[in-house]
């Protein structure tokens, strides 16, 4: 079932979400200082291509909080807002609710990507 969900996800918008993560990762990777942030974006672009069957766990730390604040200022808020709006659009119909829930998971990830681990 998760394979069918992932294929439908990819066809109906998952590619564009992953593309957004990829573009932000490229922008962050321009400098050496931003390279770790860019690599994190690439990892999450891969996750957003096939999100069904994967869970995200969060941990905290002083370094994670600092980088998450910088992330929100320089690109994270826009990606989170786009994912939340897409999730609302998916949740209009009963069939779209599982896809909307995945978008909400990605929106939360877009707000706090550092300290997050994909399980």
N, C-alpha and C. Protein backbone atom coordinates (compact mmCIF):
# COMPACT_ATOMS: atom_id res chain seq x y z
N UNK A 1 0.81 -1.19 0.00
CA UNK A 1 0.00 0.00 0.00
C UNK A 1 0.86 1.26 0.00
N UNK A 2 2.00 1.23 0.75
CA UNK A 2 2.84 2.42 0.78
C UNK A 2 3.49 2.68 -0.58
N UNK A 3 3.70 1.63 -1.38
CA UNK A 3 4.27 1.83 -2.72
C UNK A 3 3.28 2.57 -3.61
N UNK A 4 2.02 2.20 -3.54
CA UNK A 4 0.99 2.90 -4.33
C UNK A 4 0.87 4.34 -3.85
N UNK A 5 0.88 4.53 -2.52
CA UNK A 5 0.83 5.89 -1.97
C UNK A 5 2.01 6.73 -2.42
N UNK A 6 3.21 6.15 -2.41
CA UNK A 6 4.39 6.88 -2.85
C UNK A 6 4.33 7.23 -4.33
N UNK A 7 3.84 6.31 -5.16
CA UNK A 7 3.74 6.61 -6.59
C UNK A 7 2.73 7.72 -6.86
N UNK A 8 1.57 7.64 -6.20
CA UNK A 8 0.58 8.70 -6.36
C UNK A 8 1.10 10.03 -5.82
N UNK A 9 1.82 9.97 -4.72
CA UNK A 9 2.42 11.16 -4.14
C UNK A 9 3.38 11.83 -5.13
N UNK A 10 4.23 11.02 -5.74
CA UNK A 10 5.20 11.54 -6.69
C UNK A 10 4.50 12.21 -7.87
N UNK A 11 3.44 11.58 -8.38
CA UNK A 11 2.73 12.10 -9.54
C UNK A 11 1.98 13.39 -9.22
N UNK A 12 1.33 13.45 -8.04
CA UNK A 12 0.46 14.57 -7.73
C UNK A 12 1.09 15.62 -6.83
N UNK A 13 2.36 15.87 -6.95
CA UNK A 13 2.95 16.99 -6.26
C UNK A 13 4.22 16.72 -5.48
N UNK A 14 4.54 15.49 -5.20
CA UNK A 14 5.73 15.19 -4.43
C UNK A 14 7.01 15.62 -5.13
N UNK A 15 7.01 15.52 -6.44
CA UNK A 15 8.19 15.93 -7.20
C UNK A 15 8.47 17.41 -6.98
N UNK A 16 7.43 18.24 -6.98
CA UNK A 16 7.62 19.68 -6.84
C UNK A 16 8.07 20.07 -5.44
N UNK A 17 7.61 19.36 -4.44
CA UNK A 17 8.07 19.61 -3.06
C UNK A 17 9.55 19.26 -2.95
N UNK A 18 9.93 18.12 -3.49
CA UNK A 18 11.34 17.72 -3.47
C UNK A 18 12.19 18.69 -4.27
N UNK A 19 11.66 19.19 -5.37
CA UNK A 19 12.38 20.17 -6.18
C UNK A 19 12.62 21.45 -5.38
N UNK A 20 11.64 21.88 -4.58
CA UNK A 20 11.81 23.05 -3.72
C UNK A 20 12.93 22.86 -2.72
N UNK A 21 12.97 21.68 -2.07
CA UNK A 21 14.05 21.37 -1.14
C UNK A 21 15.39 21.37 -1.86
N UNK A 22 15.41 20.83 -3.07
CA UNK A 22 16.65 20.76 -3.84
C UNK A 22 17.17 22.16 -4.19
N UNK A 23 16.28 23.05 -4.61
CA UNK A 23 16.69 24.42 -4.96
C UNK A 23 17.23 25.15 -3.74
N UNK A 24 16.54 25.04 -2.61
CA UNK A 24 17.04 25.68 -1.39
C UNK A 24 18.39 25.09 -0.99
N UNK A 25 18.57 23.78 -1.19
CA UNK A 25 19.85 23.15 -0.91
C UNK A 25 20.96 23.68 -1.80
N UNK A 26 20.65 23.93 -3.06
CA UNK A 26 21.65 24.51 -3.96
C UNK A 26 22.05 25.91 -3.52
N UNK A 27 21.06 26.71 -3.12
CA UNK A 27 21.35 28.08 -2.68
C UNK A 27 22.23 28.06 -1.43
N UNK A 28 21.92 27.19 -0.48
CA UNK A 28 22.72 27.10 0.74
C UNK A 28 24.12 26.56 0.45
N UNK A 29 24.28 25.74 -0.55
CA UNK A 29 25.57 25.11 -0.83
C UNK A 29 26.54 26.01 -1.57
N UNK A 30 26.16 27.23 -1.84
CA UNK A 30 27.05 28.15 -2.55
C UNK A 30 28.28 28.47 -1.71
N UNK A 31 28.10 28.59 -0.40
CA UNK A 31 29.23 28.92 0.47
C UNK A 31 29.65 27.69 1.29
N UNK A 32 30.85 27.73 1.78
CA UNK A 32 31.34 26.63 2.61
C UNK A 32 30.58 26.59 3.93
N UNK A 33 30.25 27.74 4.48
CA UNK A 33 29.53 27.79 5.75
C UNK A 33 28.13 27.19 5.60
N UNK A 34 27.50 27.41 4.46
CA UNK A 34 26.14 26.90 4.24
C UNK A 34 26.08 25.48 3.74
N UNK A 35 27.21 24.86 3.47
CA UNK A 35 27.23 23.51 2.91
C UNK A 35 26.54 22.47 3.80
N UNK A 36 26.73 22.46 5.12
CA UNK A 36 26.00 21.48 5.93
C UNK A 36 24.48 21.65 5.84
N UNK A 37 24.04 22.89 5.74
CA UNK A 37 22.61 23.14 5.59
C UNK A 37 22.13 22.63 4.24
N UNK A 38 22.92 22.86 3.21
CA UNK A 38 22.57 22.37 1.87
C UNK A 38 22.50 20.86 1.82
N UNK A 39 23.42 20.19 2.47
CA UNK A 39 23.40 18.72 2.49
C UNK A 39 22.16 18.21 3.23
N UNK A 40 21.76 18.90 4.29
CA UNK A 40 20.54 18.53 5.00
C UNK A 40 19.32 18.68 4.08
N UNK A 41 19.31 19.74 3.31
CA UNK A 41 18.20 19.97 2.36
C UNK A 41 18.14 18.86 1.31
N UNK A 42 19.28 18.42 0.83
CA UNK A 42 19.30 17.34 -0.16
C UNK A 42 18.76 16.05 0.44
N UNK A 43 19.11 15.80 1.71
CA UNK A 43 18.62 14.59 2.38
C UNK A 43 17.09 14.63 2.50
N UNK A 44 16.56 15.79 2.83
CA UNK A 44 15.11 15.90 2.96
C UNK A 44 14.40 15.97 1.61
N UNK A 45 15.11 16.41 0.57
CA UNK A 45 14.53 16.33 -0.78
C UNK A 45 14.30 14.87 -1.16
N UNK A 46 15.25 14.03 -0.80
CA UNK A 46 15.11 12.60 -1.05
C UNK A 46 13.93 12.02 -0.26
N UNK A 47 13.76 12.47 0.99
CA UNK A 47 12.64 12.00 1.80
C UNK A 47 11.31 12.42 1.20
N UNK A 48 11.21 13.63 0.71
CA UNK A 48 9.92 14.10 0.20
C UNK A 48 9.53 13.46 -1.12
N UNK A 49 10.45 12.79 -1.77
CA UNK A 49 10.05 12.05 -2.97
C UNK A 49 9.22 10.82 -2.62
N UNK A 50 9.54 10.14 -1.52
CA UNK A 50 8.86 8.91 -1.11
C UNK A 50 8.57 8.95 0.39
N UNK A 51 7.57 9.73 0.86
CA UNK A 51 7.38 9.93 2.30
C UNK A 51 6.59 8.85 3.02
N UNK A 52 5.80 8.05 2.31
CA UNK A 52 4.96 7.06 2.98
C UNK A 52 5.82 5.95 3.56
N UNK A 53 5.52 5.54 4.80
CA UNK A 53 6.25 4.48 5.46
C UNK A 53 7.47 4.97 6.22
N UNK A 54 7.66 6.30 6.29
CA UNK A 54 8.80 6.85 7.02
C UNK A 54 8.30 7.78 8.11
N UNK A 55 8.97 7.75 9.24
CA UNK A 55 8.63 8.61 10.37
C UNK A 55 9.82 9.52 10.67
N UNK A 56 9.54 10.65 11.30
CA UNK A 56 10.58 11.60 11.64
C UNK A 56 10.60 11.77 13.15
N UNK A 57 11.78 11.63 13.75
CA UNK A 57 11.93 11.86 15.17
C UNK A 57 12.79 13.11 15.36
N UNK A 58 12.52 13.83 16.43
CA UNK A 58 13.21 15.09 16.69
C UNK A 58 14.00 15.00 17.98
N UNK A 59 15.18 15.60 17.96
CA UNK A 59 15.99 15.73 19.17
C UNK A 59 16.37 17.20 19.31
N UNK A 60 16.75 17.59 20.49
CA UNK A 60 17.09 19.00 20.70
C UNK A 60 18.55 19.15 21.07
N UNK A 61 19.03 20.34 20.94
CA UNK A 61 20.41 20.68 21.27
C UNK A 61 20.64 22.14 20.97
N UNK A 62 21.63 22.74 21.61
CA UNK A 62 21.88 24.16 21.42
C UNK A 62 22.25 24.49 19.97
N UNK A 63 23.08 23.65 19.37
CA UNK A 63 23.46 23.87 17.98
C UNK A 63 22.29 23.73 17.03
N UNK A 64 21.42 22.76 17.31
CA UNK A 64 20.25 22.57 16.47
C UNK A 64 19.31 23.77 16.53
N UNK A 65 19.13 24.33 17.71
CA UNK A 65 18.24 25.47 17.87
C UNK A 65 18.77 26.68 17.10
N UNK A 66 20.06 26.94 17.19
CA UNK A 66 20.66 28.07 16.49
C UNK A 66 20.52 27.93 14.98
N UNK A 67 20.84 26.76 14.46
CA UNK A 67 20.76 26.55 13.02
C UNK A 67 19.30 26.55 12.55
N UNK A 68 18.37 26.03 13.37
CA UNK A 68 16.95 26.07 13.01
C UNK A 68 16.44 27.51 12.92
N UNK A 69 16.91 28.40 13.80
CA UNK A 69 16.51 29.80 13.74
C UNK A 69 17.02 30.45 12.46
N UNK A 70 18.28 30.21 12.13
CA UNK A 70 18.82 30.72 10.87
C UNK A 70 18.08 30.14 9.67
N UNK A 71 17.75 28.87 9.76
CA UNK A 71 17.01 28.19 8.69
C UNK A 71 15.65 28.85 8.46
N UNK A 72 14.94 29.17 9.54
CA UNK A 72 13.62 29.80 9.40
C UNK A 72 13.73 31.15 8.71
N UNK A 73 14.77 31.89 9.02
CA UNK A 73 14.95 33.22 8.42
C UNK A 73 15.29 33.12 6.93
N UNK A 74 16.11 32.16 6.56
CA UNK A 74 16.65 32.08 5.20
C UNK A 74 16.07 30.95 4.36
N UNK A 75 14.80 30.67 4.44
CA UNK A 75 14.21 29.73 3.50
C UNK A 75 13.24 28.72 4.07
N UNK A 76 13.33 28.42 5.33
CA UNK A 76 12.49 27.38 5.91
C UNK A 76 11.03 27.77 6.03
N UNK A 77 10.78 29.03 6.37
CA UNK A 77 9.40 29.45 6.56
C UNK A 77 8.61 29.35 5.26
N UNK A 78 9.21 29.72 4.15
CA UNK A 78 8.53 29.65 2.85
C UNK A 78 8.20 28.22 2.47
N UNK A 79 9.13 27.30 2.68
CA UNK A 79 8.88 25.90 2.36
C UNK A 79 7.80 25.31 3.28
N UNK A 80 7.82 25.70 4.55
CA UNK A 80 6.80 25.21 5.49
C UNK A 80 5.42 25.75 5.11
N UNK A 81 5.35 27.01 4.75
CA UNK A 81 4.07 27.60 4.35
C UNK A 81 3.53 26.94 3.08
N UNK A 82 4.39 26.69 2.11
CA UNK A 82 3.95 26.04 0.88
C UNK A 82 3.45 24.62 1.16
N UNK A 83 4.14 23.90 2.03
CA UNK A 83 3.70 22.54 2.36
C UNK A 83 2.39 22.55 3.13
N UNK A 84 2.21 23.50 4.04
CA UNK A 84 0.96 23.58 4.81
C UNK A 84 -0.22 23.93 3.91
N UNK A 85 -0.03 24.86 2.99
CA UNK A 85 -1.11 25.22 2.07
C UNK A 85 -1.45 24.03 1.16
N UNK A 86 -0.43 23.33 0.69
CA UNK A 86 -0.68 22.14 -0.13
C UNK A 86 -1.41 21.07 0.67
N UNK A 87 -1.04 20.91 1.93
CA UNK A 87 -1.72 19.95 2.80
C UNK A 87 -3.18 20.29 2.98
N UNK A 88 -3.49 21.57 3.15
CA UNK A 88 -4.89 21.99 3.25
C UNK A 88 -5.66 21.70 1.97
N UNK A 89 -5.01 21.94 0.84
CA UNK A 89 -5.67 21.66 -0.45
C UNK A 89 -5.93 20.17 -0.62
N UNK A 90 -4.99 19.34 -0.21
CA UNK A 90 -5.19 17.89 -0.30
C UNK A 90 -6.31 17.42 0.62
N UNK A 91 -6.44 18.03 1.79
CA UNK A 91 -7.44 17.59 2.78
C UNK A 91 -8.87 17.99 2.44
N UNK A 92 -9.08 18.65 1.32
CA UNK A 92 -10.44 19.04 0.92
C UNK A 92 -11.28 17.80 0.63
N UNK A 93 -10.66 16.77 0.07
CA UNK A 93 -11.40 15.54 -0.24
C UNK A 93 -10.94 14.41 0.69
N UNK A 94 -11.79 13.43 0.85
CA UNK A 94 -11.46 12.29 1.71
C UNK A 94 -10.29 11.50 1.14
N UNK A 95 -10.24 11.38 -0.17
CA UNK A 95 -9.16 10.63 -0.80
C UNK A 95 -7.81 11.32 -0.60
N UNK A 96 -7.82 12.63 -0.51
CA UNK A 96 -6.57 13.39 -0.38
C UNK A 96 -6.03 13.50 1.03
N UNK A 97 -6.79 13.06 2.04
CA UNK A 97 -6.36 13.23 3.43
C UNK A 97 -5.01 12.57 3.72
N UNK A 98 -4.73 11.35 3.28
CA UNK A 98 -3.39 10.79 3.55
C UNK A 98 -2.26 11.63 2.94
N UNK A 99 -2.51 12.22 1.78
CA UNK A 99 -1.50 13.07 1.16
C UNK A 99 -1.36 14.39 1.91
N UNK A 100 -2.48 14.91 2.40
CA UNK A 100 -2.43 16.12 3.21
C UNK A 100 -1.65 15.91 4.50
N UNK A 101 -1.84 14.75 5.12
CA UNK A 101 -1.09 14.46 6.34
C UNK A 101 0.41 14.37 6.08
N UNK A 102 0.79 13.82 4.93
CA UNK A 102 2.21 13.78 4.57
C UNK A 102 2.74 15.20 4.36
N UNK A 103 1.93 16.07 3.77
CA UNK A 103 2.35 17.46 3.57
C UNK A 103 2.52 18.18 4.91
N UNK A 104 1.64 17.89 5.87
CA UNK A 104 1.79 18.49 7.19
C UNK A 104 3.06 17.99 7.88
N UNK A 105 3.40 16.72 7.67
CA UNK A 105 4.64 16.17 8.21
C UNK A 105 5.84 16.90 7.60
N UNK A 106 5.77 17.18 6.31
CA UNK A 106 6.85 17.88 5.63
C UNK A 106 6.90 19.35 6.07
N UNK A 107 5.73 19.94 6.34
CA UNK A 107 5.70 21.33 6.82
C UNK A 107 6.39 21.44 8.17
N UNK A 108 6.13 20.50 9.06
CA UNK A 108 6.80 20.51 10.36
C UNK A 108 8.30 20.32 10.18
N UNK A 109 8.67 19.44 9.27
CA UNK A 109 10.08 19.22 8.99
C UNK A 109 10.72 20.48 8.41
N UNK A 110 9.98 21.23 7.60
CA UNK A 110 10.51 22.46 7.01
C UNK A 110 10.73 23.53 8.07
N UNK A 111 9.96 23.48 9.15
CA UNK A 111 10.18 24.44 10.23
C UNK A 111 11.38 24.08 11.10
N UNK A 112 11.58 22.79 11.35
CA UNK A 112 12.65 22.34 12.25
C UNK A 112 13.43 21.18 11.64
N UNK A 113 14.23 21.42 10.61
CA UNK A 113 14.91 20.29 9.96
C UNK A 113 16.15 19.78 10.71
N UNK A 114 16.74 20.62 11.54
CA UNK A 114 17.98 20.20 12.21
C UNK A 114 17.65 19.58 13.55
N UNK A 115 18.20 18.42 13.78
CA UNK A 115 17.86 17.61 14.93
C UNK A 115 16.80 16.59 14.58
N UNK A 116 16.35 16.59 13.32
CA UNK A 116 15.35 15.62 12.86
C UNK A 116 16.07 14.42 12.26
N UNK A 117 15.51 13.25 12.52
CA UNK A 117 16.09 12.02 12.00
C UNK A 117 14.97 11.20 11.35
N UNK A 118 15.23 10.69 10.16
CA UNK A 118 14.24 9.89 9.43
C UNK A 118 14.39 8.45 9.87
N UNK A 119 13.27 7.87 10.31
CA UNK A 119 13.26 6.48 10.80
C UNK A 119 12.47 5.63 9.84
